[in-house]
């Protein structure tokens, strides 16, 4: 790897890390923690397997199971058998979870829009232009093909 690419990669990783801090601060007034909202966001529709919840949160399955148990107790998610494999547990949002996620995401978007209002037009345009590139990086990092690459 060349030095310029390594420096860009490090700067981008640092930006992502700070982005996580920003996302957590967007939730300061929420009843849900950033991790809980992440679980709700990933379990929309048909839901996801417990292992994927853990992988997406960057934690071990027992830790993800604790998060899910709290959300289940609050009536925001349910645990079901996977219709394709009865041995696998799928976590899916309930209607109450849908409503809670919608409220929390709207609040996050409102707070982020306030922050973006502090940017000038050229800065907002630069951010808009960067989003497809960030999406491409996200898809690469989370692709099945990439899961086999060494850490």
Protein backbone atom coordinates (compact mmCIF):
# COMPACT_ATOMS: atom_id res chain seq x y z
CA UNK A 1 0.00 0.00 0.00
CA UNK A 2 1.39 3.39 -0.89
CA UNK A 3 1.83 6.13 1.72
CA UNK A 4 -0.79 8.47 0.23
CA UNK A 5 -3.44 5.74 0.27
CA UNK A 6 -2.51 4.77 3.85
CA UNK A 7 -2.83 8.39 5.01
CA UNK A 8 -6.20 8.77 3.28
CA UNK A 9 -7.40 5.50 4.84
CA UNK A 10 -6.32 6.62 8.30
CA UNK A 11 -7.96 10.04 7.92
CA UNK A 12 -11.18 8.42 6.72
CA UNK A 13 -11.18 5.92 9.62
CA UNK A 14 -10.71 8.79 12.08
CA UNK A 15 -13.57 10.66 10.46
CA UNK A 16 -15.79 7.58 10.77
CA UNK A 17 -14.85 7.21 14.44
CA UNK A 18 -15.82 10.81 15.09
CA UNK A 19 -18.99 10.19 13.10
CA UNK A 20 -19.92 7.49 15.61
CA UNK A 21 -19.47 10.02 18.40
CA UNK A 22 -21.69 12.48 16.54
CA UNK A 23 -24.37 9.82 16.03
CA UNK A 24 -24.34 9.07 19.74
CA UNK A 25 -24.73 12.75 20.56
CA UNK A 26 -27.73 12.94 18.25
CA UNK A 27 -29.39 10.50 20.64
CA UNK A 28 -28.65 12.40 23.86
CA UNK A 29 -32.30 13.27 24.44
CA UNK A 30 -33.67 9.93 23.23
CA UNK A 31 -35.19 7.17 25.31
CA UNK A 32 -33.13 4.79 23.16
CA UNK A 33 -29.36 4.46 23.19
CA UNK A 34 -27.49 4.63 19.89
CA UNK A 35 -27.02 0.84 20.03
CA UNK A 36 -30.69 0.23 20.68
CA UNK A 37 -31.68 2.44 17.77
CA UNK A 38 -29.15 0.63 15.60
CA UNK A 39 -30.81 -2.67 16.50
CA UNK A 40 -34.23 -1.24 15.70
CA UNK A 41 -33.01 0.12 12.36
CA UNK A 42 -31.48 -3.20 11.30
CA UNK A 43 -34.50 -5.30 12.33
CA UNK A 44 -37.10 -3.61 10.15
CA UNK A 45 -39.16 -5.71 7.77
CA UNK A 46 -38.37 -9.41 7.91
CA UNK A 47 -35.70 -8.82 10.56
CA UNK A 48 -32.18 -10.17 10.82
CA UNK A 49 -30.43 -13.10 12.44
CA UNK A 50 -29.02 -12.60 15.91
CA UNK A 51 -25.50 -13.22 14.58
CA UNK A 52 -25.90 -10.34 12.13
CA UNK A 53 -27.14 -8.06 14.92
CA UNK A 54 -23.92 -8.84 16.80
CA UNK A 55 -21.76 -8.39 13.71
CA UNK A 56 -23.35 -5.04 12.84
CA UNK A 57 -22.95 -3.77 16.42
CA UNK A 58 -19.37 -5.01 16.57
CA UNK A 59 -20.05 -7.13 19.64
CA UNK A 60 -20.28 -10.82 20.54
CA UNK A 61 -23.61 -12.65 20.29
CA UNK A 62 -24.20 -12.71 24.09
CA UNK A 63 -23.88 -8.91 24.23
CA UNK A 64 -26.25 -8.50 21.27
CA UNK A 65 -28.65 -10.92 22.95
CA UNK A 66 -28.72 -8.67 26.04
CA UNK A 67 -29.54 -5.62 23.88
CA UNK A 68 -32.29 -7.54 22.11
CA UNK A 69 -33.68 -8.81 25.44
CA UNK A 70 -34.04 -5.21 26.69
CA UNK A 71 -35.82 -4.18 23.49
CA UNK A 72 -38.03 -7.27 23.65
CA UNK A 73 -38.97 -6.46 27.25
CA UNK A 74 -39.95 -2.97 26.08
CA UNK A 75 -42.11 -4.51 23.34
CA UNK A 76 -40.02 -3.06 20.52
CA UNK A 77 -38.72 -6.29 18.96
CA UNK A 78 -39.66 -9.94 18.83
CA UNK A 79 -37.58 -13.07 18.42
CA UNK A 80 -38.82 -15.56 15.84
CA UNK A 81 -37.61 -18.66 14.08
CA UNK A 82 -36.15 -18.03 10.64
CA UNK A 83 -38.73 -19.23 8.08
CA UNK A 84 -35.86 -20.75 6.05
CA UNK A 85 -34.07 -22.44 8.97
CA UNK A 86 -35.94 -23.19 12.21
CA UNK A 87 -32.64 -23.52 14.11
CA UNK A 88 -31.89 -19.82 13.59
CA UNK A 89 -33.34 -16.93 15.59
CA UNK A 90 -34.44 -13.82 13.73
CA UNK A 91 -35.03 -10.49 15.47
CA UNK A 92 -37.80 -8.35 14.01
CA UNK A 93 -39.27 -4.99 14.98
CA UNK A 94 -42.79 -4.88 16.34
CA UNK A 95 -45.25 -2.12 15.39
CA UNK A 96 -44.22 -0.33 18.60
CA UNK A 97 -40.58 -0.71 17.50
CA UNK A 98 -41.47 0.74 14.09
CA UNK A 99 -42.99 3.80 15.77
CA UNK A 100 -40.08 4.22 18.21
CA UNK A 101 -37.52 3.96 15.38
CA UNK A 102 -39.47 6.44 13.26
CA UNK A 103 -39.54 8.99 16.10
CA UNK A 104 -35.86 8.52 16.98
CA UNK A 105 -34.72 8.67 13.35
CA UNK A 106 -36.78 11.82 12.74
CA UNK A 107 -35.19 13.43 15.80
CA UNK A 108 -31.70 12.45 14.57
CA UNK A 109 -32.43 13.84 11.11
CA UNK A 110 -33.70 17.10 12.59
CA UNK A 111 -30.59 17.53 14.72
CA UNK A 112 -28.31 16.68 11.78
CA UNK A 113 -30.15 19.17 9.56
CA UNK A 114 -29.47 21.85 12.18
CA UNK A 115 -25.76 21.01 11.98
CA UNK A 116 -25.78 21.01 8.17
CA UNK A 117 -27.42 24.43 8.20
CA UNK A 118 -24.11 25.75 9.58
CA UNK A 119 -22.37 24.76 6.32
CA UNK A 120 -22.22 27.03 3.32
CA UNK A 121 -23.61 25.95 -0.06
CA UNK A 122 -20.26 24.67 -1.38
CA UNK A 123 -19.68 22.60 1.77
CA UNK A 124 -23.15 21.04 1.53
CA UNK A 125 -22.52 20.29 -2.16
CA UNK A 126 -19.20 18.63 -1.28
CA UNK A 127 -20.93 16.51 1.35
CA UNK A 128 -23.67 15.51 -1.10
CA UNK A 129 -21.04 14.56 -3.69
CA UNK A 130 -19.17 12.42 -1.14
CA UNK A 131 -22.20 10.35 -0.11
CA UNK A 132 -22.17 7.97 -3.12
CA UNK A 133 -18.46 7.33 -2.53
CA UNK A 134 -19.14 6.56 1.13
CA UNK A 135 -21.96 4.21 0.10
CA UNK A 136 -19.56 2.40 -2.24
CA UNK A 137 -17.03 1.98 0.59
CA UNK A 138 -19.79 0.72 2.90
CA UNK A 139 -20.90 -1.84 0.32
CA UNK A 140 -17.33 -3.02 -0.19
CA UNK A 141 -16.63 -3.43 3.52
CA UNK A 142 -19.91 -5.26 4.19
CA UNK A 143 -20.00 -7.42 1.05
CA UNK A 144 -19.95 -11.20 1.40
CA UNK A 145 -16.91 -11.30 -0.88
CA UNK A 146 -15.00 -9.10 1.54
CA UNK A 147 -15.88 -11.25 4.56
CA UNK A 148 -13.30 -13.80 3.45
CA UNK A 149 -10.43 -11.31 3.34
CA UNK A 150 -7.89 -11.46 6.17
CA UNK A 151 -8.25 -8.82 8.90
